[in-house]
PDB file of N, CA and C in Angstrom:
ATOM      1  N   MET A   1      57.836   8.321  37.925  1.00  0.00           N
ATOM      2  CA  MET A   1      56.986   9.532  37.473  1.00  0.00           C
ATOM      3  C   MET A   1      57.924  10.260  38.656  1.00  0.00           C
ATOM      4  N   ARG A   2      58.467  12.095  38.634  1.00  0.00           N
ATOM      5  CA  ARG A   2      58.993  12.844  39.372  1.00  0.00           C
ATOM      6  C   ARG A   2      57.983  13.849  39.228  1.00  0.00           C
ATOM      7  N   PHE A   3      57.754  14.050  40.794  1.00  0.00           N
ATOM      8  CA  PHE A   3      57.007  15.404  41.354  1.00  0.00           C
ATOM      9  C   PHE A   3      57.332  16.648  41.177  1.00  0.00           C
ATOM     10  N   LYS A   4      57.046  17.525  40.862  1.00  0.00           N
ATOM     11  CA  LYS A   4      57.415  19.111  41.082  1.00  0.00           C
ATOM     12  C   LYS A   4      57.797  19.319  42.596  1.00  0.00           C
ATOM     13  N   GLU A   5      58.346  19.425  43.353  1.00  0.00           N
ATOM     14  CA  GLU A   5      58.974  20.547  44.925  1.00  0.00           C
ATOM     15  C   GLU A   5      58.775  22.037  44.103  1.00  0.00           C
ATOM     16  N   GLY A   6      58.287  21.976  45.481  1.00  0.00           N
ATOM     17  CA  GLY A   6      57.881  23.686  46.020  1.00  0.00           C
ATOM     18  C   GLY A   6      56.863  23.569  46.514  1.00  0.00           C
ATOM     19  N   ALA A   7      55.961  25.544  45.819  1.00  0.00           N
ATOM     20  CA  ALA A   7      54.581  25.883  46.690  1.00  0.00           C
ATOM     21  C   ALA A   7      53.528  25.794  45.163  1.00  0.00           C
ATOM     22  N   ILE A   8      54.203  24.493  43.652  1.00  0.00           N
ATOM     23  CA  ILE A   8      53.563  25.188  42.830  1.00  0.00           C
ATOM     24  C   ILE A   8      52.610  24.444  43.394  1.00  0.00           C
ATOM     25  N   GLY A   9      51.294  25.332  42.875  1.00  0.00           N
ATOM     26  CA  GLY A   9      48.903  24.695  42.663  1.00  0.00           C
ATOM     27  C   GLY A   9      48.939  25.040  44.254  1.00  0.00           C
ATOM     28  N   LEU A  10      50.146  25.946  45.446  1.00  0.00           N
ATOM     29  CA  LEU A  10      49.348  26.101  46.525  1.00  0.00           C
ATOM     30  C   LEU A  10      48.481  27.681  46.290  1.00  0.00           C
ATOM     31  N   THR A  11      47.612  28.130  46.824  1.00  0.00           N
ATOM     32  CA  THR A  11      46.904  29.341  46.832  1.00  0.00           C
ATOM     33  C   THR A  11      47.296  29.713  48.404  1.00  0.00           C
ATOM     34  N   PRO A  12      48.005  30.664  48.005  1.00  0.00           N
ATOM     35  CA  PRO A  12      48.561  31.599  49.101  1.00  0.00           C
ATOM     36  C   PRO A  12      47.480  31.891  49.717  1.00  0.00           C
ATOM     37  N   ALA A  13      47.041  32.087  51.092  1.00  0.00           N
ATOM     38  CA  ALA A  13      45.874  32.350  52.398  1.00  0.00           C
ATOM     39  C   ALA A  13      46.634  32.973  53.478  1.00  0.00           C
ATOM     40  N   ILE A  14      46.682  33.743  53.713  1.00  0.00           N
ATOM     41  CA  ILE A  14      47.485  35.066  54.926  1.00  0.00           C
ATOM     42  C   ILE A  14      46.568  33.976  55.967  1.00  0.00           C
ATOM     43  N   ASP A  15      47.269  33.442  57.324  1.00  0.00           N
ATOM     44  CA  ASP A  15      46.486  32.692  58.626  1.00  0.00           C
ATOM     45  C   ASP A  15      47.104  34.282  59.428  1.00  0.00           C
ATOM     46  N   LYS A  16      48.003  34.700  59.620  1.00  0.00           N
ATOM     47  CA  LYS A  16      48.551  36.058  60.868  1.00  0.00           C
ATOM     48  C   LYS A  16      49.211  36.641  60.679  1.00  0.00           C
ATOM     49  N   LEU A  17      49.492  38.152  61.229  1.00  0.00           N
ATOM     50  CA  LEU A  17      50.308  38.932  61.226  1.00  0.00           C
ATOM     51  C   LEU A  17      51.729  38.522  62.570  1.00  0.00           C
ATOM     52  N   LYS A  18      52.214  39.230  62.613  1.00  0.00           N
ATOM     53  CA  LYS A  18      53.350  39.166  63.117  1.00  0.00           C
ATOM     54  C   LYS A  18      54.360  41.180  63.425  1.00  0.00           C
ATOM     55  N   PHE A  19      55.054  41.268  63.807  1.00  0.00           N
ATOM     56  CA  PHE A  19      55.430  42.835  64.128  1.00  0.00           C
ATOM     57  C   PHE A  19      56.882  41.654  64.777  1.00  0.00           C
ATOM     58  N   ASP A  20      57.379  41.066  65.192  1.00  0.00           N
ATOM     59  CA  ASP A  20      58.834  40.145  66.090  1.00  0.00           C
ATOM     60  C   ASP A  20      59.743  40.472  65.464  1.00  0.00           C
ATOM     61  N   HIS A  21      60.035  41.250  63.626  1.00  0.00           N
ATOM     62  CA  HIS A  21      61.145  41.778  64.077  1.00  0.00           C
ATOM     63  C   HIS A  21      61.764  43.361  63.500  1.00  0.00           C
ATOM     64  N   LYS A  22      62.272  43.868  64.090  1.00  0.00           N
ATOM     65  CA  LYS A  22      62.469  44.875  64.112  1.00  0.00           C
ATOM     66  C   LYS A  22      62.538  45.801  62.450  1.00  0.00           C
ATOM     67  N   GLY A  23      61.220  47.014  62.100  1.00  0.00           N
ATOM     68  CA  GLY A  23      61.110  47.352  61.132  1.00  0.00           C
ATOM     69  C   GLY A  23      60.821  46.197  59.134  1.00  0.00           C
ATOM     70  N   LYS A  24      60.482  44.488  60.496  1.00  0.00           N
ATOM     71  CA  LYS A  24      59.858  43.978  58.840  1.00  0.00           C
ATOM     72  C   LYS A  24      58.893  43.496  59.764  1.00  0.00           C
ATOM     73  N   MET A  25      57.602  42.834  58.645  1.00  0.00           N
ATOM     74  CA  MET A  25      56.253  42.329  59.333  1.00  0.00           C
ATOM     75  C   MET A  25      56.677  40.710  58.700  1.00  0.00           C
ATOM     76  N   SER A  26      55.910  40.095  59.612  1.00  0.00           N
ATOM     77  CA  SER A  26      55.801  38.562  58.849  1.00  0.00           C
ATOM     78  C   SER A  26      54.483  38.146  58.860  1.00  0.00           C
ATOM     79  N   ILE A  27      54.334  37.553  58.066  1.00  0.00           N
ATOM     80  CA  ILE A  27      53.184  37.042  56.973  1.00  0.00           C
ATOM     81  C   ILE A  27      53.435  35.430  56.925  1.00  0.00           C
ATOM     82  N   TYR A  28      52.034  35.041  57.969  1.00  0.00           N
ATOM     83  CA  TYR A  28      52.152  33.887  58.243  1.00  0.00           C
ATOM     84  C   TYR A  28      51.279  33.042  57.159  1.00  0.00           C
ATOM     85  N   LEU A  29      51.726  32.549  56.058  1.00  0.00           N
ATOM     86  CA  LEU A  29      50.289  31.969  55.505  1.00  0.00           C
ATOM     87  C   LEU A  29      49.839  30.536  55.473  1.00  0.00           C
ATOM     88  N   GLU A  30      48.816  29.579  55.471  1.00  0.00           N
ATOM     89  CA  GLU A  30      48.006  29.049  56.098  1.00  0.00           C
ATOM     90  C   GLU A  30      48.977  27.570  55.855  1.00  0.00           C
ATOM     91  N   ASP A  31      50.029  27.884  54.561  1.00  0.00           N
ATOM     92  CA  ASP A  31      49.784  26.406  53.865  1.00  0.00           C
ATOM     93  C   ASP A  31      51.834  26.537  54.723  1.00  0.00           C
ATOM     94  N   GLY A  32      51.800  27.478  56.017  1.00  0.00           N
ATOM     95  CA  GLY A  32      53.217  26.941  56.271  1.00  0.00           C
ATOM     96  C   GLY A  32      54.094  27.590  55.993  1.00  0.00           C
ATOM     97  N   ARG A  33      53.986  28.235  55.331  1.00  0.00           N
ATOM     98  CA  ARG A  33      55.355  29.546  54.847  1.00  0.00           C
ATOM     99  C   ARG A  33      55.821  31.142  55.489  1.00  0.00           C
ATOM    100  N   ILE A  34      55.886  31.529  55.411  1.00  0.00           N
ATOM    101  CA  ILE A  34      56.292  32.738  55.990  1.00  0.00           C
ATOM    102  C   ILE A  34      57.086  33.951  55.411  1.00  0.00           C
ATOM    103  N   LEU A  35      55.958  35.133  55.234  1.00  0.00           N
ATOM    104  CA  LEU A  35      57.261  36.128  54.434  1.00  0.00           C
ATOM    105  C   LEU A  35      57.511  37.122  55.170  1.00  0.00           C
ATOM    106  N   ILE A  36      58.115  37.648  55.283  1.00  0.00           N
ATOM    107  CA  ILE A  36      58.821  38.631  56.051  1.00  0.00           C
ATOM    108  C   ILE A  36      59.798  39.872  55.374  1.00  0.00           C
ATOM    109  N   VAL A  37      59.143  41.099  54.913  1.00  0.00           N
ATOM    110  CA  VAL A  37      58.444  42.041  54.307  1.00  0.00           C
ATOM    111  C   VAL A  37      58.760  43.046  55.503  1.00  0.00           C
ATOM    112  N   PRO A  38      59.896  44.321  54.496  1.00  0.00           N
ATOM    113  CA  PRO A  38      59.956  45.051  55.065  1.00  0.00           C
ATOM    114  C   PRO A  38      59.426  46.189  55.155  1.00  0.00           C
ATOM    115  N   LEU A  39      59.049  47.145  56.039  1.00  0.00           N
ATOM    116  CA  LEU A  39      57.762  48.443  56.599  1.00  0.00           C
ATOM    117  C   LEU A  39      58.271  48.954  55.549  1.00  0.00           C
ATOM    118  N   ALA A  40      59.198  49.610  55.737  1.00  0.00           N
ATOM    119  CA  ALA A  40      59.238  50.500  54.953  1.00  0.00           C
ATOM    120  C   ALA A  40      59.032  50.392  53.124  1.00  0.00           C
ATOM    121  N   LEU A  41      58.146  48.931  52.756  1.00  0.00           N
ATOM    122  CA  LEU A  41      57.121  48.885  51.643  1.00  0.00           C
ATOM    123  C   LEU A  41      55.942  49.232  51.722  1.00  0.00           C
ATOM    124  N   PHE A  42      55.613  49.449  52.764  1.00  0.00           N
ATOM    125  CA  PHE A  42      54.176  49.714  53.085  1.00  0.00           C
ATOM    126  C   PHE A  42      53.890  51.246  54.813  1.00  0.00           C
ATOM    127  N   PRO A  43      54.297  52.220  53.973  1.00  0.00           N
ATOM    128  CA  PRO A  43      54.218  52.821  54.905  1.00  0.00           C
ATOM    129  C   PRO A  43      53.149  53.232  55.835  1.00  0.00           C
ATOM    130  N   SER A  44      51.930  53.117  55.108  1.00  0.00           N
ATOM    131  CA  SER A  44      50.405  53.424  55.718  1.00  0.00           C
ATOM    132  C   SER A  44      50.609  51.985  56.666  1.00  0.00           C
ATOM    133  N   ILE A  45      51.146  50.851  57.196  1.00  0.00           N
ATOM    134  CA  ILE A  45      51.284  50.185  58.600  1.00  0.00           C
ATOM    135  C   ILE A  45      52.174  50.620  58.865  1.00  0.00           C
ATOM    136  N   LYS A  46      53.240  51.207  58.568  1.00  0.00           N
ATOM    137  CA  LYS A  46      54.437  51.082  59.844  1.00  0.00           C
ATOM    138  C   LYS A  46      54.780  52.388  60.171  1.00  0.00           C
ATOM    139  N   LYS A  47      53.247  53.870  60.254  1.00  0.00           N
ATOM    140  CA  LYS A  47      53.531  54.638  60.602  1.00  0.00           C
ATOM    141  C   LYS A  47      52.613  54.330  61.968  1.00  0.00           C
ATOM    142  N   LEU A  48      51.907  53.478  61.704  1.00  0.00           N
ATOM    143  CA  LEU A  48      51.243  52.769  62.911  1.00  0.00           C
ATOM    144  C   LEU A  48      51.607  52.320  63.858  1.00  0.00           C
ATOM    145  N   SER A  49      50.755  53.240  65.471  1.00  0.00           N
ATOM    146  CA  SER A  49      51.643  52.532  66.158  1.00  0.00           C
ATOM    147  C   SER A  49      51.718  50.851  66.566  1.00  0.00           C
ATOM    148  N   GLU A  50      52.774  50.604  67.320  1.00  0.00           N
ATOM    149  CA  GLU A  50      52.288  48.827  68.273  1.00  0.00           C
ATOM    150  C   GLU A  50      51.224  48.480  68.318  1.00  0.00           C
ATOM    151  N   SER A  51      50.687  49.268  69.356  1.00  0.00           N
ATOM    152  CA  SER A  51      49.322  49.198  69.645  1.00  0.00           C
ATOM    153  C   SER A  51      47.985  48.990  68.163  1.00  0.00           C
ATOM    154  N   GLU A  52      47.975  50.222  67.921  1.00  0.00           N
ATOM    155  CA  GLU A  52      47.132  49.702  66.037  1.00  0.00           C
ATOM    156  C   GLU A  52      47.699  48.606  65.346  1.00  0.00           C
ATOM    157  N   ARG A  53      48.923  48.836  65.243  1.00  0.00           N
ATOM    158  CA  ARG A  53      48.963  47.181  64.084  1.00  0.00           C
ATOM    159  C   ARG A  53      48.491  45.762  64.503  1.00  0.00           C
ATOM    160  N   LYS A  54      48.166  45.503  66.035  1.00  0.00           N
ATOM    161  CA  LYS A  54      47.438  44.544  66.596  1.00  0.00           C
ATOM    162  C   LYS A  54      46.065  44.211  66.073  1.00  0.00           C
ATOM    163  N   LYS A  55      45.448  45.685  65.864  1.00  0.00           N
ATOM    164  CA  LYS A  55      43.950  45.073  65.542  1.00  0.00           C
ATOM    165  C   LYS A  55      43.979  45.407  63.663  1.00  0.00           C
ATOM    166  N   TYR A  56      44.234  44.759  63.448  1.00  0.00           N
ATOM    167  CA  TYR A  56      43.901  43.930  62.209  1.00  0.00           C
ATOM    168  C   TYR A  56      43.336  42.465  62.029  1.00  0.00           C
ATOM    169  N   HIS A  57      42.513  42.905  60.528  1.00  0.00           N
ATOM    170  CA  HIS A  57      41.713  41.688  60.492  1.00  0.00           C
ATOM    171  C   HIS A  57      42.466  41.469  58.960  1.00  0.00           C
ATOM    172  N   ILE A  58      41.951  40.042  58.478  1.00  0.00           N
ATOM    173  CA  ILE A  58      42.142  39.115  57.267  1.00  0.00           C
ATOM    174  C   ILE A  58      40.977  38.791  56.976  1.00  0.00           C
ATOM    175  N   SER A  59      40.720  39.226  55.400  1.00  0.00           N
ATOM    176  CA  SER A  59      39.199  38.779  55.313  1.00  0.00           C
ATOM    177  C   SER A  59      39.484  37.784  53.826  1.00  0.00           C
ATOM    178  N   ASP A  60      39.066  36.669  54.110  1.00  0.00           N
ATOM    179  CA  ASP A  60      39.175  35.841  52.795  1.00  0.00           C
ATOM    180  C   ASP A  60      40.676  34.789  52.538  1.00  0.00           C
ATOM    181  N   GLY A  61      41.496  35.419  54.049  1.00  0.00           N
ATOM    182  CA  GLY A  61      42.851  35.562  53.525  1.00  0.00           C
ATOM    183  C   GLY A  61      44.040  35.501  53.085  1.00  0.00           C
ATOM    184  N   GLN A  62      42.801  36.438  52.064  1.00  0.00           N
ATOM    185  CA  GLN A  62      43.658  37.940  50.744  1.00  0.00           C
ATOM    186  C   GLN A  62      43.735  39.019  51.246  1.00  0.00           C
ATOM    187  N   ILE A  63      43.088  39.404  51.836  1.00  0.00           N
ATOM    188  CA  ILE A  63      43.108  40.734  52.235  1.00  0.00           C
ATOM    189  C   ILE A  63      43.463  41.099  53.887  1.00  0.00           C
ATOM    190  N   ILE A  64      44.222  42.420  53.960  1.00  0.00           N
ATOM    191  CA  ILE A  64      44.367  42.795  55.597  1.00  0.00           C
ATOM    192  C   ILE A  64      43.996  44.236  55.225  1.00  0.00           C
ATOM    193  N   LEU A  65      42.942  44.149  56.539  1.00  0.00           N
ATOM    194  CA  LEU A  65      42.624  45.350  56.727  1.00  0.00           C
ATOM    195  C   LEU A  65      43.191  45.728  58.442  1.00  0.00           C
ATOM    196  N   PHE A  66      43.596  47.089  58.186  1.00  0.00           N
ATOM    197  CA  PHE A  66      43.799  47.692  60.339  1.00  0.00           C
ATOM    198  C   PHE A  66      42.624  48.699  60.260  1.00  0.00           C
ATOM    199  N   ARG A  67      42.608  48.419  61.721  1.00  0.00           N
ATOM    200  CA  ARG A  67      41.147  49.297  62.156  1.00  0.00           C
ATOM    201  C   ARG A  67      41.421  50.588  61.840  1.00  0.00           C
ATOM    202  N   ASP A  68      42.469  51.012  61.872  1.00  0.00           N
ATOM    203  CA  ASP A  68      43.636  52.480  62.029  1.00  0.00           C
ATOM    204  C   ASP A  68      44.606  53.048  60.538  1.00  0.00           C
ATOM    205  N   CYS A  69      43.665  52.603  59.526  1.00  0.00           N
ATOM    206  CA  CYS A  69      44.433  53.184  58.086  1.00  0.00           C
ATOM    207  C   CYS A  69      42.960  52.398  57.481  1.00  0.00           C
ATOM    208  N   ASP A  70      43.476  53.541  56.300  1.00  0.00           N
ATOM    209  CA  ASP A  70      41.860  53.370  55.586  1.00  0.00           C
ATOM    210  C   ASP A  70      42.662  52.985  54.261  1.00  0.00           C
ATOM    211  N   GLU A  71      44.359  52.382  54.502  1.00  0.00           N
ATOM    212  CA  GLU A  71      44.584  51.164  53.100  1.00  0.00           C
ATOM    213  C   GLU A  71      43.846  49.539  53.034  1.00  0.00           C
ATOM    214  N   VAL A  72      43.929  48.777  52.169  1.00  0.00           N
ATOM    215  CA  VAL A  72      43.053  47.943  52.291  1.00  0.00           C
ATOM    216  C   VAL A  72      44.741  47.080  51.697  1.00  0.00           C
ATOM    217  N   PHE A  73      45.294  45.914  52.016  1.00  0.00           N
ATOM    218  CA  PHE A  73      46.273  45.402  51.633  1.00  0.00           C
ATOM    219  C   PHE A  73      45.994  44.030  50.970  1.00  0.00           C
ATOM    220  N   HIS A  74      46.100  43.771  49.224  1.00  0.00           N
ATOM    221  CA  HIS A  74      45.646  42.372  49.590  1.00  0.00           C
ATOM    222  C   HIS A  74      47.043  41.849  49.064  1.00  0.00           C
ATOM    223  N   ILE A  75      47.271  39.845  49.660  1.00  0.00           N
ATOM    224  CA  ILE A  75      48.425  39.194  49.483  1.00  0.00           C
ATOM    225  C   ILE A  75      49.443  39.920  48.284  1.00  0.00           C
ATOM    226  N   GLU A  76      48.900  39.585  47.762  1.00  0.00           N
ATOM    227  CA  GLU A  76      49.640  39.975  46.144  1.00  0.00           C
ATOM    228  C   GLU A  76      50.870  41.058  45.866  1.00  0.00           C
ATOM    229  N   GLN A  77      49.865  42.108  47.308  1.00  0.00           N
ATOM    230  CA  GLN A  77      51.019  43.541  46.975  1.00  0.00           C
ATOM    231  C   GLN A  77      51.984  43.054  48.173  1.00  0.00           C
ATOM    232  N   PHE A  78      51.992  41.501  48.671  1.00  0.00           N
ATOM    233  CA  PHE A  78      53.348  41.277  49.251  1.00  0.00           C
ATOM    234  C   PHE A  78      54.331  40.333  48.831  1.00  0.00           C
ATOM    235  N   LEU A  79      53.866  39.714  47.826  1.00  0.00           N
ATOM    236  CA  LEU A  79      54.129  38.922  47.479  1.00  0.00           C
ATOM    237  C   LEU A  79      54.986  39.661  46.034  1.00  0.00           C
ATOM    238  N   GLY A  80      54.631  40.120  45.495  1.00  0.00           N
ATOM    239  CA  GLY A  80      54.807  41.169  44.681  1.00  0.00           C
ATOM    240  C   GLY A  80      54.847  41.053  43.803  1.00  0.00           C
ATOM    241  N   SER A  81      53.200  40.974  43.487  1.00  0.00           N
ATOM    242  CA  SER A  81      52.797  39.967  41.936  1.00  0.00           C
ATOM    243  C   SER A  81      51.387  41.148  42.382  1.00  0.00           C
ATOM    244  N   GLU A  82      51.042  42.264  42.264  1.00  0.00           N
ATOM    245  CA  GLU A  82      50.210  43.190  42.221  1.00  0.00           C
ATOM    246  C   GLU A  82      49.340  42.671  40.717  1.00  0.00           C
ATOM    247  N   SER A  83      50.244  43.095  39.351  1.00  0.00           N
ATOM    248  CA  SER A  83      49.175  42.749  38.458  1.00  0.00           C
ATOM    249  C   SER A  83      48.350  41.520  38.230  1.00  0.00           C
ATOM    250  N   THR A  84      48.440  40.846  39.156  1.00  0.00           N
ATOM    251  CA  THR A  84      47.329  39.859  39.212  1.00  0.00           C
ATOM    252  C   THR A  84      45.763  40.256  39.649  1.00  0.00           C
ATOM    253  N   TYR A  85      46.187  40.728  40.474  1.00  0.00           N
ATOM    254  CA  TYR A  85      44.654  41.261  41.579  1.00  0.00           C
ATOM    255  C   TYR A  85      44.196  42.825  40.447  1.00  0.00           C
ATOM    256  N   ARG A  86      44.892  44.014  40.346  1.00  0.00           N
ATOM    257  CA  ARG A  86      44.732  44.945  40.371  1.00  0.00           C
ATOM    258  C   ARG A  86      43.669  45.361  39.328  1.00  0.00           C
ATOM    259  N   TYR A  87      42.647  45.888  39.571  1.00  0.00           N
ATOM    260  CA  TYR A  87      41.644  46.401  38.893  1.00  0.00           C
ATOM    261  C   TYR A  87      42.218  47.032  37.946  1.00  0.00           C
ATOM    262  N   SER A  88      41.338  47.048  36.396  1.00  0.00           N
ATOM    263  CA  SER A  88      42.163  48.055  35.529  1.00  0.00           C
ATOM    264  C   SER A  88      40.436  48.900  35.290  1.00  0.00           C
ATOM    265  N   VAL A  89      41.389  50.540  35.046  1.00  0.00           N
ATOM    266  CA  VAL A  89      40.050  51.345  34.955  1.00  0.00           C
ATOM    267  C   VAL A  89      39.268  51.336  33.301  1.00  0.00           C
ATOM    268  N   VAL A  90      38.103  51.663  33.899  1.00  0.00           N
ATOM    269  CA  VAL A  90      37.365  51.269  32.826  1.00  0.00           C
ATOM    270  C   VAL A  90      36.837  52.491  32.007  1.00  0.00           C
TER     271      VAL A  90
END
């Protein structure tokens, strides 16, 4: 029997954030994966100061909130599959 390799069946959950690469954000997932995304894709985060970026909260492993930012960031925005969580307007 052959097993499928990769992150098949894993539900990504955010563990922590770091801003350890110039112009990029590292998102550490609970399963050991690390996403490195350019801040240019997230102007609301990019404009935060270094100290403001450290003031974040992770909700349910899926949502990132920054104290000094009005935006709510869902994990799917970093994975590039926002259509799976986006609310439809009724």
